[in-house]
Amino acid sequence: MALRKYRTDAAVAAGEAEAAQTGSPTYWVCLALLLATLALAARIASLW
């Protein structure tokens, strides 16, 4: 039973950590850079 409770606590902690990462400024900066890179690649491909 203790193992089951430990797994549940670990899953809750992992879910909270994931939620915190989504709201972090670093996440949004990386997402913006990824989108800017894709937009630049699309412009270069359209000119070619």
PDB file of N, CA and C in Angstrom:
ATOM      1  N   MET A   1       0.808  -1.197   0.000  1.00  0.00           N
ATOM      2  CA  MET A   1       0.000   0.000   0.000  1.00  0.00           C
ATOM      3  C   MET A   1       0.852   1.261   0.000  1.00  0.00           C
ATOM      4  N   ALA A   2       1.969   1.231   0.679  1.00  0.00           N
ATOM      5  CA  ALA A   2       2.821   2.416   0.742  1.00  0.00           C
ATOM      6  C   ALA A   2       3.355   2.760  -0.641  1.00  0.00           C
ATOM      7  N   LEU A   3       3.641   1.720  -1.431  1.00  0.00           N
ATOM      8  CA  LEU A   3       4.153   1.956  -2.780  1.00  0.00           C
ATOM      9  C   LEU A   3       3.093   2.648  -3.633  1.00  0.00           C
ATOM     10  N   ARG A   4       1.850   2.245  -3.490  1.00  0.00           N
ATOM     11  CA  ARG A   4       0.768   2.863  -4.260  1.00  0.00           C
ATOM     12  C   ARG A   4       0.609   4.329  -3.879  1.00  0.00           C
ATOM     13  N   LYS A   5       0.679   4.635  -2.593  1.00  0.00           N
ATOM     14  CA  LYS A   5       0.575   6.025  -2.152  1.00  0.00           C
ATOM     15  C   LYS A   5       1.764   6.838  -2.665  1.00  0.00           C
ATOM     16  N   TYR A   6       2.959   6.238  -2.656  1.00  0.00           N
ATOM     17  CA  TYR A   6       4.148   6.933  -3.146  1.00  0.00           C
ATOM     18  C   TYR A   6       3.993   7.253  -4.625  1.00  0.00           C
ATOM     19  N   ARG A   7       3.497   6.305  -5.399  1.00  0.00           N
ATOM     20  CA  ARG A   7       3.304   6.545  -6.831  1.00  0.00           C
ATOM     21  C   ARG A   7       2.288   7.653  -7.064  1.00  0.00           C
ATOM     22  N   THR A   8       1.222   7.663  -6.278  1.00  0.00           N
ATOM     23  CA  THR A   8       0.204   8.702  -6.420  1.00  0.00           C
ATOM     24  C   THR A   8       0.789  10.068  -6.086  1.00  0.00           C
ATOM     25  N   ASP A   9       1.548  10.139  -5.002  1.00  0.00           N
ATOM     26  CA  ASP A   9       2.176  11.408  -4.627  1.00  0.00           C
ATOM     27  C   ASP A   9       3.151  11.871  -5.706  1.00  0.00           C
ATOM     28  N   ALA A  10       3.901  10.927  -6.284  1.00  0.00           N
ATOM     29  CA  ALA A  10       4.855  11.276  -7.335  1.00  0.00           C
ATOM     30  C   ALA A  10       4.125  11.779  -8.576  1.00  0.00           C
ATOM     31  N   ALA A  11       2.997  11.157  -8.901  1.00  0.00           N
ATOM     32  CA  ALA A  11       2.223  11.598 -10.069  1.00  0.00           C
ATOM     33  C   ALA A  11       1.660  12.996  -9.852  1.00  0.00           C
ATOM     34  N   VAL A  12       1.191  13.268  -8.646  1.00  0.00           N
ATOM     35  CA  VAL A  12       0.668  14.605  -8.334  1.00  0.00           C
ATOM     36  C   VAL A  12       1.788  15.638  -8.423  1.00  0.00           C
ATOM     37  N   ALA A  13       2.953  15.313  -7.891  1.00  0.00           N
ATOM     38  CA  ALA A  13       4.089  16.235  -7.938  1.00  0.00           C
ATOM     39  C   ALA A  13       4.535  16.483  -9.376  1.00  0.00           C
ATOM     40  N   ALA A  14       4.538  15.433 -10.194  1.00  0.00           N
ATOM     41  CA  ALA A  14       4.928  15.588 -11.599  1.00  0.00           C
ATOM     42  C   ALA A  14       3.923  16.466 -12.337  1.00  0.00           C
ATOM     43  N   GLY A  15       2.648  16.298 -12.040  1.00  0.00           N
ATOM     44  CA  GLY A  15       1.621  17.123 -12.671  1.00  0.00           C
ATOM     45  C   GLY A  15       1.766  18.582 -12.281  1.00  0.00           C
ATOM     46  N   GLU A  16       2.076  18.833 -11.023  1.00  0.00           N
ATOM     47  CA  GLU A  16       2.272  20.214 -10.578  1.00  0.00           C
ATOM     48  C   GLU A  16       3.512  20.825 -11.210  1.00  0.00           C
ATOM     49  N   ALA A  17       4.572  20.040 -11.351  1.00  0.00           N
ATOM     50  CA  ALA A  17       5.795  20.548 -11.975  1.00  0.00           C
ATOM     51  C   ALA A  17       5.539  20.879 -13.441  1.00  0.00           C
ATOM     52  N   GLU A  18       4.751  20.047 -14.112  1.00  0.00           N
ATOM     53  CA  GLU A  18       4.443  20.302 -15.518  1.00  0.00           C
ATOM     54  C   GLU A  18       3.609  21.567 -15.662  1.00  0.00           C
ATOM     55  N   ALA A  19       2.671  21.764 -14.780  1.00  0.00           N
ATOM     56  CA  ALA A  19       1.843  22.968 -14.824  1.00  0.00           C
ATOM     57  C   ALA A  19       2.697  24.209 -14.576  1.00  0.00           C
ATOM     58  N   ALA A  20       3.663  24.118 -13.686  1.00  0.00           N
ATOM     59  CA  ALA A  20       4.541  25.252 -13.404  1.00  0.00           C
ATOM     60  C   ALA A  20       5.413  25.562 -14.609  1.00  0.00           C
ATOM     61  N   GLN A  21       5.872  24.533 -15.317  1.00  0.00           N
ATOM     62  CA  GLN A  21       6.720  24.764 -16.485  1.00  0.00           C
ATOM     63  C   GLN A  21       5.943  25.463 -17.587  1.00  0.00           C
ATOM     64  N   THR A  22       4.677  25.119 -17.764  1.00  0.00           N
ATOM     65  CA  THR A  22       3.877  25.737 -18.819  1.00  0.00           C
ATOM     66  C   THR A  22       3.698  27.227 -18.571  1.00  0.00           C
ATOM     67  N   GLY A  23       3.641  27.632 -17.314  1.00  0.00           N
ATOM     68  CA  GLY A  23       3.445  29.040 -17.009  1.00  0.00           C
ATOM     69  C   GLY A  23       4.738  29.823 -16.887  1.00  0.00           C
ATOM     70  N   SER A  24       5.872  29.172 -17.006  1.00  0.00           N
ATOM     71  CA  SER A  24       7.137  29.865 -16.796  1.00  0.00           C
ATOM     72  C   SER A  24       7.506  30.716 -18.007  1.00  0.00           C
ATOM     73  N   PRO A  25       8.188  31.817 -17.799  1.00  0.00           N
ATOM     74  CA  PRO A  25       8.601  32.677 -18.921  1.00  0.00           C
ATOM     75  C   PRO A  25       9.535  31.962 -19.901  1.00  0.00           C
ATOM     76  N   THR A  26      10.356  31.056 -19.397  1.00  0.00           N
ATOM     77  CA  THR A  26      11.274  30.332 -20.278  1.00  0.00           C
ATOM     78  C   THR A  26      10.515  29.505 -21.306  1.00  0.00           C
ATOM     79  N   TYR A  27       9.434  28.903 -20.888  1.00  0.00           N
ATOM     80  CA  TYR A  27       8.598  28.108 -21.797  1.00  0.00           C
ATOM     81  C   TYR A  27       8.080  28.981 -22.935  1.00  0.00           C
ATOM     82  N   TRP A  28       7.591  30.165 -22.590  1.00  0.00           N
ATOM     83  CA  TRP A  28       7.008  31.038 -23.609  1.00  0.00           C
ATOM     84  C   TRP A  28       8.068  31.608 -24.537  1.00  0.00           C
ATOM     85  N   VAL A  29       9.257  31.898 -24.002  1.00  0.00           N
ATOM     86  CA  VAL A  29      10.350  32.395 -24.845  1.00  0.00           C
ATOM     87  C   VAL A  29      10.773  31.321 -25.844  1.00  0.00           C
ATOM     88  N   CYS A  30      10.905  30.098 -25.374  1.00  0.00           N
ATOM     89  CA  CYS A  30      11.284  29.003 -26.278  1.00  0.00           C
ATOM     90  C   CYS A  30      10.208  28.769 -27.327  1.00  0.00           C
ATOM     91  N   LEU A  31       8.956  28.843 -26.926  1.00  0.00           N
ATOM     92  CA  LEU A  31       7.864  28.662 -27.878  1.00  0.00           C
ATOM     93  C   LEU A  31       7.867  29.773 -28.923  1.00  0.00           C
ATOM     94  N   ALA A  32       8.113  31.006 -28.500  1.00  0.00           N
ATOM     95  CA  ALA A  32       8.169  32.129 -29.442  1.00  0.00           C
ATOM     96  C   ALA A  32       9.332  31.978 -30.409  1.00  0.00           C
ATOM     97  N   LEU A  33      10.487  31.530 -29.902  1.00  0.00           N
ATOM     98  CA  LEU A  33      11.637  31.316 -30.781  1.00  0.00           C
ATOM     99  C   LEU A  33      11.368  30.209 -31.791  1.00  0.00           C
ATOM    100  N   LEU A  34      10.706  29.159 -31.349  1.00  0.00           N
ATOM    101  CA  LEU A  34      10.367  28.060 -32.260  1.00  0.00           C
ATOM    102  C   LEU A  34       9.423  28.537 -33.351  1.00  0.00           C
ATOM    103  N   LEU A  35       8.416  29.304 -32.986  1.00  0.00           N
ATOM    104  CA  LEU A  35       7.476  29.814 -33.980  1.00  0.00           C
ATOM    105  C   LEU A  35       8.145  30.794 -34.941  1.00  0.00           C
ATOM    106  N   ALA A  36       9.049  31.626 -34.419  1.00  0.00           N
ATOM    107  CA  ALA A  36       9.766  32.566 -35.282  1.00  0.00           C
ATOM    108  C   ALA A  36      10.663  31.815 -36.268  1.00  0.00           C
ATOM    109  N   THR A  37      11.283  30.744 -35.808  1.00  0.00           N
ATOM    110  CA  THR A  37      12.130  29.936 -36.681  1.00  0.00           C
ATOM    111  C   THR A  37      11.300  29.287 -37.788  1.00  0.00           C
ATOM    112  N   LEU A  38      10.140  28.769 -37.424  1.00  0.00           N
ATOM    113  CA  LEU A  38       9.266  28.157 -38.428  1.00  0.00           C
ATOM    114  C   LEU A  38       8.768  29.189 -39.433  1.00  0.00           C
ATOM    115  N   ALA A  39       8.448  30.390 -38.953  1.00  0.00           N
ATOM    116  CA  ALA A  39       7.992  31.447 -39.866  1.00  0.00           C
ATOM    117  C   ALA A  39       9.117  31.853 -40.814  1.00  0.00           C
ATOM    118  N   LEU A  40      10.321  31.966 -40.304  1.00  0.00           N
ATOM    119  CA  LEU A  40      11.461  32.315 -41.153  1.00  0.00           C
ATOM    120  C   LEU A  40      11.728  31.224 -42.190  1.00  0.00           C
ATOM    121  N   ALA A  41      11.643  29.981 -41.767  1.00  0.00           N
ATOM    122  CA  ALA A  41      11.844  28.865 -42.704  1.00  0.00           C
ATOM    123  C   ALA A  41      10.772  28.881 -43.793  1.00  0.00           C
ATOM    124  N   ALA A  42       9.546  29.207 -43.440  1.00  0.00           N
ATOM    125  CA  ALA A  42       8.474  29.256 -44.423  1.00  0.00           C
ATOM    126  C   ALA A  42       8.713  30.395 -45.414  1.00  0.00           C
ATOM    127  N   ARG A  43       9.210  31.529 -44.928  1.00  0.00           N
ATOM    128  CA  ARG A  43       9.494  32.655 -45.846  1.00  0.00           C
ATOM    129  C   ARG A  43      10.632  32.307 -46.795  1.00  0.00           C
ATOM    130  N   ILE A  44      11.666  31.668 -46.270  1.00  0.00           N
ATOM    131  CA  ILE A  44      12.793  31.284 -47.125  1.00  0.00           C
ATOM    132  C   ILE A  44      12.336  30.258 -48.165  1.00  0.00           C
ATOM    133  N   ALA A  45      11.523  29.303 -47.749  1.00  0.00           N
ATOM    134  CA  ALA A  45      11.046  28.285 -48.682  1.00  0.00           C
ATOM    135  C   ALA A  45      10.146  28.901 -49.746  1.00  0.00           C
ATOM    136  N   SER A  46       9.369  29.909 -49.407  1.00  0.00           N
ATOM    137  CA  SER A  46       8.473  30.517 -50.387  1.00  0.00           C
ATOM    138  C   SER A  46       9.247  31.353 -51.421  1.00  0.00           C
ATOM    139  N   LEU A  47      10.413  31.861 -51.013  1.00  0.00           N
ATOM    140  CA  LEU A  47      11.219  32.642 -51.953  1.00  0.00           C
ATOM    141  C   LEU A  47      12.015  31.762 -52.904  1.00  0.00           C
ATOM    142  N   TRP A  48      12.240  30.541 -52.505  1.00  0.00           N
ATOM    143  CA  TRP A  48      13.072  29.652 -53.296  1.00  0.00           C
ATOM    144  C   TRP A  48      12.387  29.104 -54.466  1.00  0.00           C
TER     145      TRP A  48
END
